[in-house]
Amino acid sequence: MKNTAPRKVEHQQTDRGYVPVYATGVVEQPWANYSKTEHEVWDTLFQRQRELLPGRACKEFMQGVERFGLGDGGIPKFSELNQVLKAATQWEIVAVEGLLPDEVFFDHLANRRFHDMFGHVPLLLNPVFADYMQAYGRGGMKAFKIGREALMNLTRLYWYTVEFGLMNSDEGLRIYGAGIVSSKGESIYSLDSPSPNRIGFDIERVMSTRYRIDTYQQTYFVIENFEQLFDATRPDFTPIYAKLHELPAHAAGDVLDDDRVFTRGDRVGWANGADT
């Protein structure tokens, strides 16, 4: 993909409302331009999470952090990380200049390119999770052609897995979602708080459940392993979109009769309304 000057698109509708996005591809990481303060901020935040996450994040995430040698000092160079990542799973990290529109984002995933660092990239060293992310990108390109409602269903899947997913490991519940591992508060809340629901993963349940963008999550969905996640993406989602179109969406905090409930939240501190 060629480096191009990003084209700004004003007020595009996304699941986060009307926001400006940058519609074109990749640029060089401006590593030489990072200041001493920026490197120190990275080191401080990284060290905070590195001390917090053992015993909380899944072993695959922690193994990825170690294989990359993250935390060895300063903001990592994508070029150096890509030597490890490409050899492991043929993914690469690319730099972009802003929030991408859906179709560009899906194209990156479908072609094994990602553009975020700490929360997401360590798991891309895991072959099964890496394949899941590519399958999600390909599914996203199909959903984009189907329409807005299909995109919303697929966005919920990404939200509740890649961003805010939990895993039922042999050692107990562990975090794999990037939105959790990059947050000190939610790394603690997602596992320790009695407030949220923790419910077994089911793809139709996830794709029909609204979520929160303004608070910690009211519900976390729990996978058994990454193979379960990847297997869920194998079928064509078109029949699922059609089925969900006929059914009402569930609120972020709902617990259904047929859910596999790990924890039923006590709902303390929940905000009312404003589910996405």
C-alpha atoms as a PDB file:
ATOM      1  CA  MET A   1       0.000   0.000   0.000  1.00  0.00           C
ATOM      2  CA  LYS A   2       1.443   3.376  -0.985  1.00  0.00           C
ATOM      3  CA  ASN A   3       1.983   6.206   1.445  1.00  0.00           C
ATOM      4  CA  THR A   4      -0.514   8.927   0.613  1.00  0.00           C
ATOM      5  CA  ALA A   5      -1.626  12.172   2.153  1.00  0.00           C
ATOM      6  CA  PRO A   6      -4.701  11.352   4.234  1.00  0.00           C
ATOM      7  CA  ARG A   7      -7.948  12.743   2.888  1.00  0.00           C
ATOM      8  CA  LYS A   8     -10.112  14.136   5.656  1.00  0.00           C
ATOM      9  CA  VAL A   9     -13.810  13.295   5.524  1.00  0.00           C
ATOM     10  CA  GLU A  10     -15.991  15.529   7.665  1.00  0.00           C
ATOM     11  CA  HIS A  11     -18.809  14.218   9.834  1.00  0.00           C
ATOM     12  CA  GLN A  12     -19.007  10.584   8.818  1.00  0.00           C
ATOM     13  CA  GLN A  13     -21.580   8.535  10.733  1.00  0.00           C
ATOM     14  CA  THR A  14     -20.060   5.735  12.815  1.00  0.00           C
ATOM     15  CA  ASP A  15     -21.229   3.715  15.802  1.00  0.00           C
ATOM     16  CA  ARG A  16     -19.627   6.472  17.877  1.00  0.00           C
ATOM     17  CA  GLY A  17     -21.701   9.217  16.251  1.00  0.00           C
ATOM     18  CA  TYR A  18     -20.562  11.810  13.726  1.00  0.00           C
ATOM     19  CA  VAL A  19     -16.786  12.045  13.785  1.00  0.00           C
ATOM     20  CA  PRO A  20     -14.017  13.166  11.411  1.00  0.00           C
ATOM     21  CA  VAL A  21     -12.076  10.308   9.855  1.00  0.00           C
ATOM     22  CA  TYR A  22      -9.077   9.945   7.606  1.00  0.00           C
ATOM     23  CA  ALA A  23      -9.967   7.982   4.547  1.00  0.00           C
ATOM     24  CA  THR A  24      -6.639   6.860   3.145  1.00  0.00           C
ATOM     25  CA  GLY A  25      -3.853   4.540   3.990  1.00  0.00           C
ATOM     26  CA  VAL A  26      -0.595   4.251   5.798  1.00  0.00           C
ATOM     27  CA  VAL A  27       2.193   6.661   6.622  1.00  0.00           C
ATOM     28  CA  GLU A  28       5.643   6.234   8.103  1.00  0.00           C
ATOM     29  CA  GLN A  29       5.833   6.004  11.876  1.00  0.00           C
ATOM     30  CA  PRO A  30       7.353   9.355  12.935  1.00  0.00           C
ATOM     31  CA  TRP A  31       9.599   7.647  15.473  1.00  0.00           C
ATOM     32  CA  ALA A  32      12.491  10.118  15.132  1.00  0.00           C
ATOM     33  CA  ASN A  33      10.115  12.960  16.024  1.00  0.00           C
ATOM     34  CA  TYR A  34       8.989  11.553  19.368  1.00  0.00           C
ATOM     35  CA  SER A  35      10.146  13.682  22.267  1.00  0.00           C
ATOM     36  CA  LYS A  36      11.894  12.511  25.428  1.00  0.00           C
ATOM     37  CA  THR A  37       8.674  13.251  27.308  1.00  0.00           C
ATOM     38  CA  GLU A  38       6.618  11.098  24.929  1.00  0.00           C
ATOM     39  CA  HIS A  39       9.002   8.172  25.439  1.00  0.00           C
ATOM     40  CA  GLU A  40       8.823   8.655  29.209  1.00  0.00           C
ATOM     41  CA  VAL A  41       5.022   8.718  29.152  1.00  0.00           C
ATOM     42  CA  TRP A  42       4.997   5.441  27.190  1.00  0.00           C
ATOM     43  CA  ASP A  43       7.403   3.843  29.667  1.00  0.00           C
ATOM     44  CA  THR A  44       5.369   4.997  32.670  1.00  0.00           C
ATOM     45  CA  LEU A  45       2.041   3.751  31.319  1.00  0.00           C
ATOM     46  CA  PHE A  46       3.558   0.517  30.052  1.00  0.00           C
ATOM     47  CA  GLN A  47       5.208  -0.254  33.372  1.00  0.00           C
ATOM     48  CA  ARG A  48       1.947   0.397  35.223  1.00  0.00           C
ATOM     49  CA  GLN A  49       0.095  -2.168  33.131  1.00  0.00           C
ATOM     50  CA  ARG A  50       2.980  -4.622  33.091  1.00  0.00           C
ATOM     51  CA  GLU A  51       2.909  -4.748  36.890  1.00  0.00           C
ATOM     52  CA  LEU A  52      -0.895  -5.033  37.008  1.00  0.00           C
ATOM     53  CA  LEU A  53      -1.616  -7.615  34.309  1.00  0.00           C
ATOM     54  CA  PRO A  54       0.178 -10.801  35.454  1.00  0.00           C
ATOM     55  CA  GLY A  55      -2.553 -13.044  36.842  1.00  0.00           C
ATOM     56  CA  ARG A  56      -5.173 -10.914  35.066  1.00  0.00           C
ATOM     57  CA  ALA A  57      -4.348 -10.981  31.358  1.00  0.00           C
ATOM     58  CA  CYS A  58      -4.442 -14.278  29.491  1.00  0.00           C
ATOM     59  CA  LYS A  59      -1.126 -16.078  29.086  1.00  0.00           C
ATOM     60  CA  GLU A  60      -1.164 -15.566  25.309  1.00  0.00           C
ATOM     61  CA  PHE A  61      -1.141 -11.801  25.782  1.00  0.00           C
ATOM     62  CA  MET A  62       1.653 -11.889  28.338  1.00  0.00           C
ATOM     63  CA  GLN A  63       3.701 -14.198  26.123  1.00  0.00           C
ATOM     64  CA  GLY A  64       3.285 -11.764  23.240  1.00  0.00           C
ATOM     65  CA  VAL A  65       4.505  -8.856  25.346  1.00  0.00           C
ATOM     66  CA  GLU A  66       7.635 -10.797  26.259  1.00  0.00           C
ATOM     67  CA  ARG A  67       8.318 -11.997  22.704  1.00  0.00           C
ATOM     68  CA  PHE A  68       8.182  -8.437  21.434  1.00  0.00           C
ATOM     69  CA  GLY A  69      10.454  -7.232  24.208  1.00  0.00           C
ATOM     70  CA  LEU A  70       8.052  -4.424  24.976  1.00  0.00           C
ATOM     71  CA  GLY A  71       9.058  -2.178  27.833  1.00  0.00           C
ATOM     72  CA  ASP A  72      12.753  -2.270  26.975  1.00  0.00           C
ATOM     73  CA  GLY A  73      12.748   1.521  26.790  1.00  0.00           C
ATOM     74  CA  GLY A  74      10.738   4.081  24.896  1.00  0.00           C
ATOM     75  CA  ILE A  75       8.064   3.886  22.232  1.00  0.00           C
ATOM     76  CA  PRO A  76       8.649   0.760  20.126  1.00  0.00           C
ATOM     77  CA  LYS A  77       9.701   1.006  16.503  1.00  0.00           C
ATOM     78  CA  PHE A  78       7.151  -0.636  14.237  1.00  0.00           C
ATOM     79  CA  SER A  79       9.898  -1.745  11.859  1.00  0.00           C
ATOM     80  CA  GLU A  80      11.558  -3.766  14.605  1.00  0.00           C
ATOM     81  CA  LEU A  81       8.312  -5.258  15.889  1.00  0.00           C
ATOM     82  CA  ASN A  82       7.324  -6.233  12.370  1.00  0.00           C
ATOM     83  CA  GLN A  83      10.387  -8.429  12.041  1.00  0.00           C
ATOM     84  CA  VAL A  84       9.005 -10.570  14.858  1.00  0.00           C
ATOM     85  CA  LEU A  85       5.343 -10.285  13.888  1.00  0.00           C
ATOM     86  CA  LYS A  86       5.727 -11.090  10.187  1.00  0.00           C
ATOM     87  CA  ALA A  87       7.828 -14.129  10.961  1.00  0.00           C
ATOM     88  CA  ALA A  88       5.221 -15.412  13.415  1.00  0.00           C
ATOM     89  CA  THR A  89       1.875 -14.790  11.696  1.00  0.00           C
ATOM     90  CA  GLN A  90       2.470 -12.629   8.596  1.00  0.00           C
ATOM     91  CA  TRP A  91       0.804  -9.623  10.197  1.00  0.00           C
ATOM     92  CA  GLU A  92       2.370  -6.171  10.229  1.00  0.00           C
ATOM     93  CA  ILE A  93       1.859  -2.967  12.185  1.00  0.00           C
ATOM     94  CA  VAL A  94       1.218   0.144  10.119  1.00  0.00           C
ATOM     95  CA  ALA A  95       0.905   3.797  11.087  1.00  0.00           C
ATOM     96  CA  VAL A  96      -2.211   5.797  10.216  1.00  0.00           C
ATOM     97  CA  GLU A  97      -3.085   9.411  10.890  1.00  0.00           C
ATOM     98  CA  GLY A  98      -6.517   9.122  12.427  1.00  0.00           C
ATOM     99  CA  LEU A  99      -9.711   7.154  12.844  1.00  0.00           C
ATOM    100  CA  LEU A 100     -10.351   5.096   9.733  1.00  0.00           C
ATOM    101  CA  PRO A 101     -13.705   4.638   8.007  1.00  0.00           C
ATOM    102  CA  ASP A 102     -15.130   1.150   8.245  1.00  0.00           C
ATOM    103  CA  GLU A 103     -14.227  -0.089   4.772  1.00  0.00           C
ATOM    104  CA  VAL A 104     -10.575   0.974   5.108  1.00  0.00           C
ATOM    105  CA  PHE A 105     -10.315  -0.550   8.584  1.00  0.00           C
ATOM    106  CA  PHE A 106     -11.752  -3.865   7.375  1.00  0.00           C
ATOM    107  CA  ASP A 107      -9.397  -3.890   4.405  1.00  0.00           C
ATOM    108  CA  HIS A 108      -6.411  -3.537   6.734  1.00  0.00           C
ATOM    109  CA  LEU A 109      -7.565  -6.469   8.857  1.00  0.00           C
ATOM    110  CA  ALA A 110      -8.403  -8.628   5.852  1.00  0.00           C
ATOM    111  CA  ASN A 111      -4.836  -8.095   4.619  1.00  0.00           C
ATOM    112  CA  ARG A 112      -3.262  -8.694   8.029  1.00  0.00           C
ATOM    113  CA  ARG A 113      -2.383  -5.093   8.863  1.00  0.00           C
ATOM    114  CA  PHE A 114      -3.046  -3.395  12.195  1.00  0.00           C
ATOM    115  CA  HIS A 115      -2.519   0.127  13.481  1.00  0.00           C
ATOM    116  CA  ASP A 116      -2.568   0.064  17.273  1.00  0.00           C
ATOM    117  CA  MET A 117       0.114  -1.013  19.680  1.00  0.00           C
ATOM    118  CA  PHE A 118      -0.073  -2.149  23.289  1.00  0.00           C
ATOM    119  CA  GLY A 119      -3.539  -3.587  23.680  1.00  0.00           C
ATOM    120  CA  HIS A 120      -3.911  -5.397  20.372  1.00  0.00           C
ATOM    121  CA  VAL A 121      -0.587  -6.331  18.859  1.00  0.00           C
ATOM    122  CA  PRO A 122       0.784  -8.851  21.415  1.00  0.00           C
ATOM    123  CA  LEU A 123      -2.087 -11.227  20.632  1.00  0.00           C
ATOM    124  CA  LEU A 124      -1.375 -11.053  16.901  1.00  0.00           C
ATOM    125  CA  LEU A 125       1.587 -13.322  17.629  1.00  0.00           C
ATOM    126  CA  ASN A 126      -0.954 -16.033  18.479  1.00  0.00           C
ATOM    127  CA  PRO A 127      -1.785 -17.844  15.207  1.00  0.00           C
ATOM    128  CA  VAL A 128      -5.430 -18.570  16.054  1.00  0.00           C
ATOM    129  CA  PHE A 129      -6.213 -15.053  17.210  1.00  0.00           C
ATOM    130  CA  ALA A 130      -4.343 -13.670  14.195  1.00  0.00           C
ATOM    131  CA  ASP A 131      -6.564 -15.735  11.892  1.00  0.00           C
ATOM    132  CA  TYR A 132      -9.655 -14.566  13.764  1.00  0.00           C
ATOM    133  CA  MET A 133      -8.737 -10.947  13.177  1.00  0.00           C
ATOM    134  CA  GLN A 134      -8.233 -11.525   9.465  1.00  0.00           C
ATOM    135  CA  ALA A 135     -11.541 -13.400   9.233  1.00  0.00           C
ATOM    136  CA  TYR A 136     -13.238 -10.518  11.018  1.00  0.00           C
ATOM    137  CA  GLY A 137     -11.839  -8.081   8.469  1.00  0.00           C
ATOM    138  CA  ARG A 138     -13.116 -10.172   5.582  1.00  0.00           C
ATOM    139  CA  GLY A 139     -16.494 -10.432   7.266  1.00  0.00           C
ATOM    140  CA  GLY A 140     -16.523  -6.694   7.744  1.00  0.00           C
ATOM    141  CA  MET A 141     -16.022  -6.073   4.042  1.00  0.00           C
ATOM    142  CA  LYS A 142     -19.080  -8.250   3.353  1.00  0.00           C
ATOM    143  CA  ALA A 143     -21.139  -6.544   6.063  1.00  0.00           C
ATOM    144  CA  PHE A 144     -20.267  -3.128   4.676  1.00  0.00           C
ATOM    145  CA  LYS A 145     -21.925  -4.119   1.397  1.00  0.00           C
ATOM    146  CA  ILE A 146     -25.012  -5.491   3.178  1.00  0.00           C
ATOM    147  CA  GLY A 147     -25.735  -2.320   5.118  1.00  0.00           C
ATOM    148  CA  ARG A 148     -25.682  -0.365   8.343  1.00  0.00           C
ATOM    149  CA  GLU A 149     -27.577  -2.872  10.488  1.00  0.00           C
ATOM    150  CA  ALA A 150     -25.203  -5.702   9.581  1.00  0.00           C
ATOM    151  CA  LEU A 151     -22.281  -3.437  10.402  1.00  0.00           C
ATOM    152  CA  MET A 152     -23.743  -2.739  13.815  1.00  0.00           C
ATOM    153  CA  ASN A 153     -24.101  -6.462  14.528  1.00  0.00           C
ATOM    154  CA  LEU A 154     -20.485  -6.987  13.518  1.00  0.00           C
ATOM    155  CA  THR A 155     -19.288  -3.983  15.523  1.00  0.00           C
ATOM    156  CA  ARG A 156     -20.821  -5.526  18.641  1.00  0.00           C
ATOM    157  CA  LEU A 157     -18.862  -8.716  17.991  1.00  0.00           C
ATOM    158  CA  TYR A 158     -15.613  -6.745  17.789  1.00  0.00           C
ATOM    159  CA  TRP A 159     -16.487  -4.722  20.871  1.00  0.00           C
ATOM    160  CA  TYR A 160     -17.277  -7.703  23.063  1.00  0.00           C
ATOM    161  CA  THR A 161     -14.334  -9.826  21.886  1.00  0.00           C
ATOM    162  CA  VAL A 162     -11.326  -7.893  20.564  1.00  0.00           C
ATOM    163  CA  GLU A 163     -11.912  -4.881  22.801  1.00  0.00           C
ATOM    164  CA  PHE A 164     -13.635  -6.161  25.951  1.00  0.00           C
ATOM    165  CA  GLY A 165     -13.411  -9.946  25.927  1.00  0.00           C
ATOM    166  CA  LEU A 166     -12.707 -12.297  28.835  1.00  0.00           C
ATOM    167  CA  MET A 167     -11.462 -15.891  28.675  1.00  0.00           C
ATOM    168  CA  ASN A 168     -12.280 -18.828  30.952  1.00  0.00           C
ATOM    169  CA  SER A 169      -8.764 -20.210  31.313  1.00  0.00           C
ATOM    170  CA  ASP A 170      -7.574 -23.127  33.442  1.00  0.00           C
ATOM    171  CA  GLU A 171      -6.384 -20.532  35.962  1.00  0.00           C
ATOM    172  CA  GLY A 172      -9.738 -18.740  36.070  1.00  0.00           C
ATOM    173  CA  LEU A 173     -11.175 -15.763  34.209  1.00  0.00           C
ATOM    174  CA  ARG A 174      -8.555 -13.793  32.318  1.00  0.00           C
ATOM    175  CA  ILE A 175      -8.573 -10.682  30.132  1.00  0.00           C
ATOM    176  CA  TYR A 176      -7.781 -10.707  26.427  1.00  0.00           C
ATOM    177  CA  GLY A 177      -9.682  -7.614  25.231  1.00  0.00           C
ATOM    178  CA  ALA A 178      -7.453  -4.697  24.271  1.00  0.00           C
ATOM    179  CA  GLY A 179      -9.783  -2.096  25.738  1.00  0.00           C
ATOM    180  CA  ILE A 180      -9.384  -3.754  29.123  1.00  0.00           C
ATOM    181  CA  VAL A 181      -5.651  -4.526  29.163  1.00  0.00           C
ATOM    182  CA  SER A 182      -4.836  -0.919  28.283  1.00  0.00           C
ATOM    183  CA  SER A 183      -6.933   0.447  31.184  1.00  0.00           C
ATOM    184  CA  LYS A 184      -5.811   0.165  34.807  1.00  0.00           C
ATOM    185  CA  GLY A 185      -9.327   0.729  36.115  1.00  0.00           C
ATOM    186  CA  GLU A 186     -11.107  -1.709  33.828  1.00  0.00           C
ATOM    187  CA  SER A 187      -8.398  -4.361  34.246  1.00  0.00           C
ATOM    188  CA  ILE A 188      -9.437  -4.444  37.907  1.00  0.00           C
ATOM    189  CA  TYR A 189     -13.172  -3.854  37.428  1.00  0.00           C
ATOM    190  CA  SER A 190     -13.699  -6.516  34.747  1.00  0.00           C
ATOM    191  CA  LEU A 191     -12.455  -9.340  36.981  1.00  0.00           C
ATOM    192  CA  ASP A 192     -12.991  -8.133  40.545  1.00  0.00           C
ATOM    193  CA  SER A 193     -16.098  -5.971  40.619  1.00  0.00           C
ATOM    194  CA  PRO A 194     -19.459  -7.547  41.555  1.00  0.00           C
ATOM    195  CA  SER A 195     -21.211  -4.988  39.340  1.00  0.00           C
ATOM    196  CA  PRO A 196     -21.007  -6.435  35.775  1.00  0.00           C
ATOM    197  CA  ASN A 197     -22.467  -9.575  34.273  1.00  0.00           C
ATOM    198  CA  ARG A 198     -20.031 -12.187  32.967  1.00  0.00           C
ATOM    199  CA  ILE A 199     -21.770 -14.397  30.419  1.00  0.00           C
ATOM    200  CA  GLY A 200     -20.647 -17.260  28.202  1.00  0.00           C
ATOM    201  CA  PHE A 201     -19.906 -16.340  24.607  1.00  0.00           C
ATOM    202  CA  ASP A 202     -22.566 -17.014  21.976  1.00  0.00           C
ATOM    203  CA  ILE A 203     -22.186 -15.256  18.663  1.00  0.00           C
ATOM    204  CA  GLU A 204     -25.850 -14.365  18.088  1.00  0.00           C
ATOM    205  CA  ARG A 205     -26.200 -13.200  21.681  1.00  0.00           C
ATOM    206  CA  VAL A 206     -23.148 -10.978  21.336  1.00  0.00           C
ATOM    207  CA  MET A 207     -24.177  -9.542  17.980  1.00  0.00           C
ATOM    208  CA  SER A 208     -27.591  -8.577  19.344  1.00  0.00           C
ATOM    209  CA  THR A 209     -26.338  -6.911  22.538  1.00  0.00           C
ATOM    210  CA  ARG A 210     -25.818  -3.177  22.831  1.00  0.00           C
ATOM    211  CA  TYR A 211     -22.797  -1.841  24.694  1.00  0.00           C
ATOM    212  CA  ARG A 212     -21.500   1.146  26.634  1.00  0.00           C
ATOM    213  CA  ILE A 213     -19.024   3.705  25.335  1.00  0.00           C
ATOM    214  CA  ASP A 214     -19.285   6.069  28.312  1.00  0.00           C
ATOM    215  CA  THR A 215     -18.641   3.739  31.269  1.00  0.00           C
ATOM    216  CA  TYR A 216     -17.096   0.399  32.099  1.00  0.00           C
ATOM    217  CA  GLN A 217     -19.052  -2.445  30.555  1.00  0.00           C
ATOM    218  CA  GLN A 218     -22.215  -3.778  32.169  1.00  0.00           C
ATOM    219  CA  THR A 219     -21.642  -7.187  30.573  1.00  0.00           C
ATOM    220  CA  TYR A 220     -18.521  -9.095  29.562  1.00  0.00           C
ATOM    221  CA  PHE A 221     -18.721 -12.165  27.337  1.00  0.00           C
ATOM    222  CA  VAL A 222     -16.447 -15.070  28.186  1.00  0.00           C
ATOM    223  CA  ILE A 223     -14.838 -17.355  25.604  1.00  0.00           C
ATOM    224  CA  GLU A 224     -13.305 -20.732  26.430  1.00  0.00           C
ATOM    225  CA  ASN A 225     -10.339 -20.292  24.096  1.00  0.00           C
ATOM    226  CA  PHE A 226      -9.365 -18.586  20.852  1.00  0.00           C
ATOM    227  CA  GLU A 227     -10.332 -21.651  18.833  1.00  0.00           C
ATOM    228  CA  GLN A 228     -13.954 -21.103  19.907  1.00  0.00           C
ATOM    229  CA  LEU A 229     -13.712 -17.511  18.730  1.00  0.00           C
ATOM    230  CA  PHE A 230     -12.231 -18.418  15.361  1.00  0.00           C
ATOM    231  CA  ASP A 231     -14.731 -21.244  14.795  1.00  0.00           C
ATOM    232  CA  ALA A 232     -17.565 -18.770  15.361  1.00  0.00           C
ATOM    233  CA  THR A 233     -16.378 -16.695  12.397  1.00  0.00           C
ATOM    234  CA  ARG A 234     -16.244 -19.578   9.920  1.00  0.00           C
ATOM    235  CA  PRO A 235     -19.923 -19.534   8.802  1.00  0.00           C
ATOM    236  CA  ASP A 236     -21.365 -16.901   6.489  1.00  0.00           C
ATOM    237  CA  PHE A 237     -22.957 -14.290   8.736  1.00  0.00           C
ATOM    238  CA  THR A 238     -25.621 -13.316   6.198  1.00  0.00           C
ATOM    239  CA  PRO A 239     -28.298 -15.655   7.687  1.00  0.00           C
ATOM    240  CA  ILE A 240     -27.423 -14.386  11.176  1.00  0.00           C
ATOM    241  CA  TYR A 241     -27.914 -10.781  10.082  1.00  0.00           C
ATOM    242  CA  ALA A 242     -31.276 -11.702   8.593  1.00  0.00           C
ATOM    243  CA  LYS A 243     -32.356 -13.490  11.776  1.00  0.00           C
ATOM    244  CA  LEU A 244     -31.257 -10.650  14.055  1.00  0.00           C
ATOM    245  CA  HIS A 245     -33.059  -8.137  11.865  1.00  0.00           C
ATOM    246  CA  GLU A 246     -36.340  -9.693  13.022  1.00  0.00           C
ATOM    247  CA  LEU A 247     -35.437  -9.634  16.711  1.00  0.00           C
ATOM    248  CA  PRO A 248     -35.061  -6.804  19.227  1.00  0.00           C
ATOM    249  CA  ALA A 249     -31.584  -5.904  20.452  1.00  0.00           C
ATOM    250  CA  HIS A 250     -30.740  -6.648  24.076  1.00  0.00           C
ATOM    251  CA  ALA A 251     -29.752  -3.926  26.507  1.00  0.00           C
ATOM    252  CA  ALA A 252     -26.130  -3.869  27.630  1.00  0.00           C
ATOM    253  CA  GLY A 253     -27.012  -5.184  31.085  1.00  0.00           C
ATOM    254  CA  ASP A 254     -29.600  -7.832  30.216  1.00  0.00           C
ATOM    255  CA  VAL A 255     -29.276 -11.407  31.473  1.00  0.00           C
ATOM    256  CA  LEU A 256     -31.357 -13.910  29.493  1.00  0.00           C
ATOM    257  CA  ASP A 257     -32.867 -17.160  30.674  1.00  0.00           C
ATOM    258  CA  ASP A 258     -30.658 -19.253  28.405  1.00  0.00           C
ATOM    259  CA  ASP A 259     -27.397 -17.425  29.138  1.00  0.00           C
ATOM    260  CA  ARG A 260     -24.500 -19.320  30.654  1.00  0.00           C
ATOM    261  CA  VAL A 261     -23.934 -17.040  33.604  1.00  0.00           C
ATOM    262  CA  PHE A 262     -20.519 -16.904  35.239  1.00  0.00           C
ATOM    263  CA  THR A 263     -21.510 -13.860  37.309  1.00  0.00           C
ATOM    264  CA  ARG A 264     -24.820 -12.016  37.525  1.00  0.00           C
ATOM    265  CA  GLY A 265     -23.915  -8.416  38.247  1.00  0.00           C
ATOM    266  CA  ASP A 266     -25.359  -6.566  41.199  1.00  0.00           C
ATOM    267  CA  ARG A 267     -25.759  -3.506  38.919  1.00  0.00           C
ATOM    268  CA  VAL A 268     -24.275  -1.097  41.474  1.00  0.00           C
ATOM    269  CA  GLY A 269     -23.081   2.078  39.782  1.00  0.00           C
ATOM    270  CA  TRP A 270     -24.686   1.359  36.429  1.00  0.00           C
ATOM    271  CA  ALA A 271     -25.688   4.328  34.300  1.00  0.00           C
ATOM    272  CA  ASN A 272     -29.163   4.281  32.808  1.00  0.00           C
ATOM    273  CA  GLY A 273     -29.791   4.341  29.068  1.00  0.00           C
ATOM    274  CA  ALA A 274     -27.321   5.452  26.394  1.00  0.00           C
ATOM    275  CA  ASP A 275     -26.525   1.930  25.156  1.00  0.00           C
ATOM    276  CA  THR A 276     -24.984   1.869  21.690  1.00  0.00           C
END
